[in-house]
Amino acid sequence: MLIVGGVSDRLAQIIPVGKFSEKLRIAGQTLRNLRARPYWLLLAFSASLVNWSTSIAAIWLVFRAFGSLVPLAAVLAYFPIAIFAGLIPFGIAGTGTRDGMFLALFAAYAPTAIALATSIAYTALGYLLFTGIGIVFLRHLRIGYSFSRQKT
């Protein structure tokens, strides 16, 4: 992280593109500030590790639920690749790109229909379920916000 901070400062000096250069400088300073708070970096890393581990376990279990015994090693190897491919902005929440990667990467371990169903189940569990929960909380926050605005 500290190396990235230094690199972003150097890029800010090399690339005089106004606001972009200033943002690079601020990003570098922010990353250097992690030296003062390494606990938070460790906590964020741990939370990320738990998140990835849970997602990998969920995919492995969903494959099993659909009757396909995909080895855990294959899920460990291919799932992150499919997720990163889903970051390509061709669809909403990676759908399409991620699904295609599931089909291609898991073809040796699961029938196409099961690989597609697993990808769709991941989308439902990982995005739609939490989006619904978030909307409920957003509604409560909005109601609380409107009440606080009326009192003043």
Protein backbone atom coordinates (compact mmCIF):
# COMPACT_ATOMS: atom_id res chain seq x y z
CA MET A 1 0.00 0.00 0.00
CA LEU A 2 2.80 2.39 0.86
CA ILE A 3 4.48 1.68 -2.47
CA VAL A 4 1.22 2.51 -4.24
CA GLY A 5 1.08 5.76 -2.27
CA GLY A 6 4.54 6.73 -3.52
CA VAL A 7 3.69 5.72 -7.08
CA SER A 8 0.51 7.80 -7.06
CA ASP A 9 2.50 10.83 -5.85
CA ARG A 10 5.04 10.33 -8.66
CA LEU A 11 2.23 9.98 -11.22
CA ALA A 12 0.68 13.18 -9.90
CA GLN A 13 3.97 14.97 -10.65
CA ILE A 14 4.35 13.42 -14.11
CA ILE A 15 0.70 13.81 -15.23
CA PRO A 16 -0.27 17.47 -14.89
CA VAL A 17 -3.95 16.94 -15.62
CA GLY A 18 -5.44 19.32 -13.08
CA LYS A 19 -8.03 17.59 -10.93
CA PHE A 20 -6.77 14.08 -11.79
CA SER A 21 -3.25 14.92 -10.62
CA GLU A 22 -4.64 16.36 -7.37
CA LYS A 23 -6.73 13.22 -6.79
CA LEU A 24 -3.64 11.05 -7.28
CA ARG A 25 -1.75 13.16 -4.73
CA ILE A 26 -4.59 12.85 -2.20
CA ALA A 27 -4.83 9.09 -2.81
CA GLY A 28 -1.10 8.75 -2.14
CA GLN A 29 -1.38 10.72 1.09
CA THR A 30 -4.34 8.60 2.20
CA LEU A 31 -2.45 5.37 1.57
CA ARG A 32 0.55 6.68 3.51
CA ASN A 33 -1.76 7.49 6.42
CA LEU A 34 -2.33 3.74 6.81
CA ARG A 35 1.02 3.60 8.61
CA ALA A 36 -0.63 5.42 11.50
CA ARG A 37 -3.57 3.00 11.58
CA PRO A 38 -2.41 -0.47 10.53
CA TYR A 39 -5.14 -2.05 12.69
CA TRP A 40 -7.84 -0.78 10.32
CA LEU A 41 -6.00 -2.17 7.32
CA LEU A 42 -5.72 -5.55 9.03
CA LEU A 43 -9.40 -5.42 9.93
CA ALA A 44 -10.39 -4.57 6.35
CA PHE A 45 -8.16 -7.37 5.02
CA SER A 46 -9.75 -9.82 7.47
CA ALA A 47 -13.27 -8.77 6.49
CA SER A 48 -12.38 -9.19 2.82
CA LEU A 49 -10.93 -12.64 3.50
CA VAL A 50 -14.13 -13.68 5.30
CA ASN A 51 -16.24 -12.29 2.45
CA TRP A 52 -14.30 -14.17 -0.26
CA SER A 53 -14.21 -17.37 1.80
CA THR A 54 -17.95 -17.22 2.38
CA SER A 55 -18.64 -16.58 -1.31
CA ILE A 56 -16.41 -19.47 -2.38
CA ALA A 57 -18.07 -21.80 0.14
CA ALA A 58 -21.51 -20.66 -1.08
CA ILE A 59 -20.65 -21.40 -4.73
CA TRP A 60 -19.24 -24.81 -3.79
CA LEU A 61 -22.42 -25.61 -1.81
CA VAL A 62 -24.73 -24.36 -4.57
CA PHE A 63 -22.99 -26.63 -7.09
CA ARG A 64 -23.54 -29.53 -4.67
CA ALA A 65 -27.17 -28.52 -4.12
CA PHE A 66 -27.71 -28.80 -7.89
CA GLY A 67 -26.12 -32.25 -7.85
CA SER A 68 -22.70 -31.42 -9.27
CA LEU A 69 -19.65 -32.41 -7.25
CA VAL A 70 -17.30 -29.63 -8.35
CA PRO A 71 -14.00 -29.91 -6.45
CA LEU A 72 -13.34 -27.14 -3.95
CA ALA A 73 -9.97 -26.55 -5.62
CA ALA A 74 -11.76 -25.76 -8.91
CA VAL A 75 -14.05 -23.27 -7.17
CA LEU A 76 -11.04 -21.68 -5.45
CA ALA A 77 -9.28 -21.33 -8.80
CA TYR A 78 -12.12 -20.32 -11.12
CA PHE A 79 -14.62 -18.36 -9.02
CA PRO A 80 -12.39 -15.28 -8.52
CA ILE A 81 -11.62 -15.25 -12.26
CA ALA A 82 -15.35 -15.29 -13.06
CA ILE A 83 -16.01 -12.50 -10.56
CA PHE A 84 -13.22 -10.32 -11.96
CA ALA A 85 -14.49 -10.94 -15.49
CA GLY A 86 -17.88 -9.76 -14.24
CA LEU A 87 -16.31 -6.38 -13.48
CA ILE A 88 -16.15 -5.70 -17.22
CA PRO A 89 -19.01 -3.23 -17.71
CA PHE A 90 -21.16 -5.13 -20.19
CA GLY A 91 -24.14 -5.93 -17.98
CA ILE A 92 -25.80 -5.11 -14.71
CA ALA A 93 -23.89 -6.49 -11.69
CA GLY A 94 -21.66 -8.56 -13.97
CA THR A 95 -24.47 -10.68 -15.36
CA GLY A 96 -23.71 -12.08 -18.75
CA THR A 97 -19.94 -11.79 -18.49
CA ARG A 98 -19.72 -13.60 -15.16
CA ASP A 99 -22.29 -16.17 -16.31
CA GLY A 100 -20.31 -16.85 -19.48
CA MET A 101 -17.15 -17.33 -17.45
CA PHE A 102 -18.97 -19.79 -15.17
CA LEU A 103 -20.00 -21.79 -18.23
CA ALA A 104 -16.52 -21.79 -19.73
CA LEU A 105 -14.48 -22.35 -16.57
CA PHE A 106 -16.66 -25.00 -14.94
CA ALA A 107 -17.44 -26.89 -18.17
CA ALA A 108 -15.12 -29.76 -17.17
CA TYR A 109 -16.85 -30.17 -13.80
CA ALA A 110 -20.54 -29.43 -14.31
CA PRO A 111 -23.13 -29.50 -17.10
CA THR A 112 -23.84 -26.15 -18.72
CA ALA A 113 -27.30 -25.89 -17.15
CA ILE A 114 -25.91 -26.43 -13.64
CA ALA A 115 -23.08 -23.93 -14.15
CA LEU A 116 -25.59 -21.35 -15.38
CA ALA A 117 -28.01 -22.10 -12.54
CA THR A 118 -25.17 -21.72 -10.03
CA SER A 119 -24.19 -18.37 -11.49
CA ILE A 120 -27.79 -17.18 -11.37
CA ALA A 121 -28.14 -18.45 -7.79
CA TYR A 122 -24.98 -16.52 -6.87
CA THR A 123 -26.50 -13.37 -8.37
CA ALA A 124 -29.73 -13.96 -6.46
CA LEU A 125 -27.97 -14.67 -3.16
CA GLY A 126 -25.16 -12.16 -3.49
CA TYR A 127 -26.94 -9.21 -5.04
CA LEU A 128 -30.72 -9.45 -5.14
CA LEU A 129 -31.17 -10.70 -1.56
CA PHE A 130 -28.97 -7.96 -0.10
CA THR A 131 -30.46 -5.34 -2.41
CA GLY A 132 -33.89 -6.19 -1.01
CA ILE A 133 -32.61 -5.97 2.55
CA GLY A 134 -30.91 -2.66 1.72
CA ILE A 135 -34.10 -1.23 0.28
CA VAL A 136 -35.96 -2.07 3.49
CA PHE A 137 -33.31 -0.29 5.56
CA LEU A 138 -33.19 2.60 3.12
CA ARG A 139 -36.93 3.03 3.52
CA HIS A 140 -36.54 3.15 7.31
CA LEU A 141 -33.68 5.64 7.03
CA ARG A 142 -35.71 7.78 4.68
CA ILE A 143 -38.68 7.77 7.06
CA GLY A 144 -36.38 8.66 9.96
CA TYR A 145 -34.79 11.39 7.86
CA SER A 146 -38.18 12.91 6.93
CA PHE A 147 -39.29 12.91 10.60
CA SER A 148 -36.09 14.65 11.69
CA ARG A 149 -36.51 17.25 8.92
CA GLN A 150 -40.09 17.99 10.06
CA LYS A 151 -39.03 18.67 13.67
CA THR A 152 -36.62 21.46 12.70
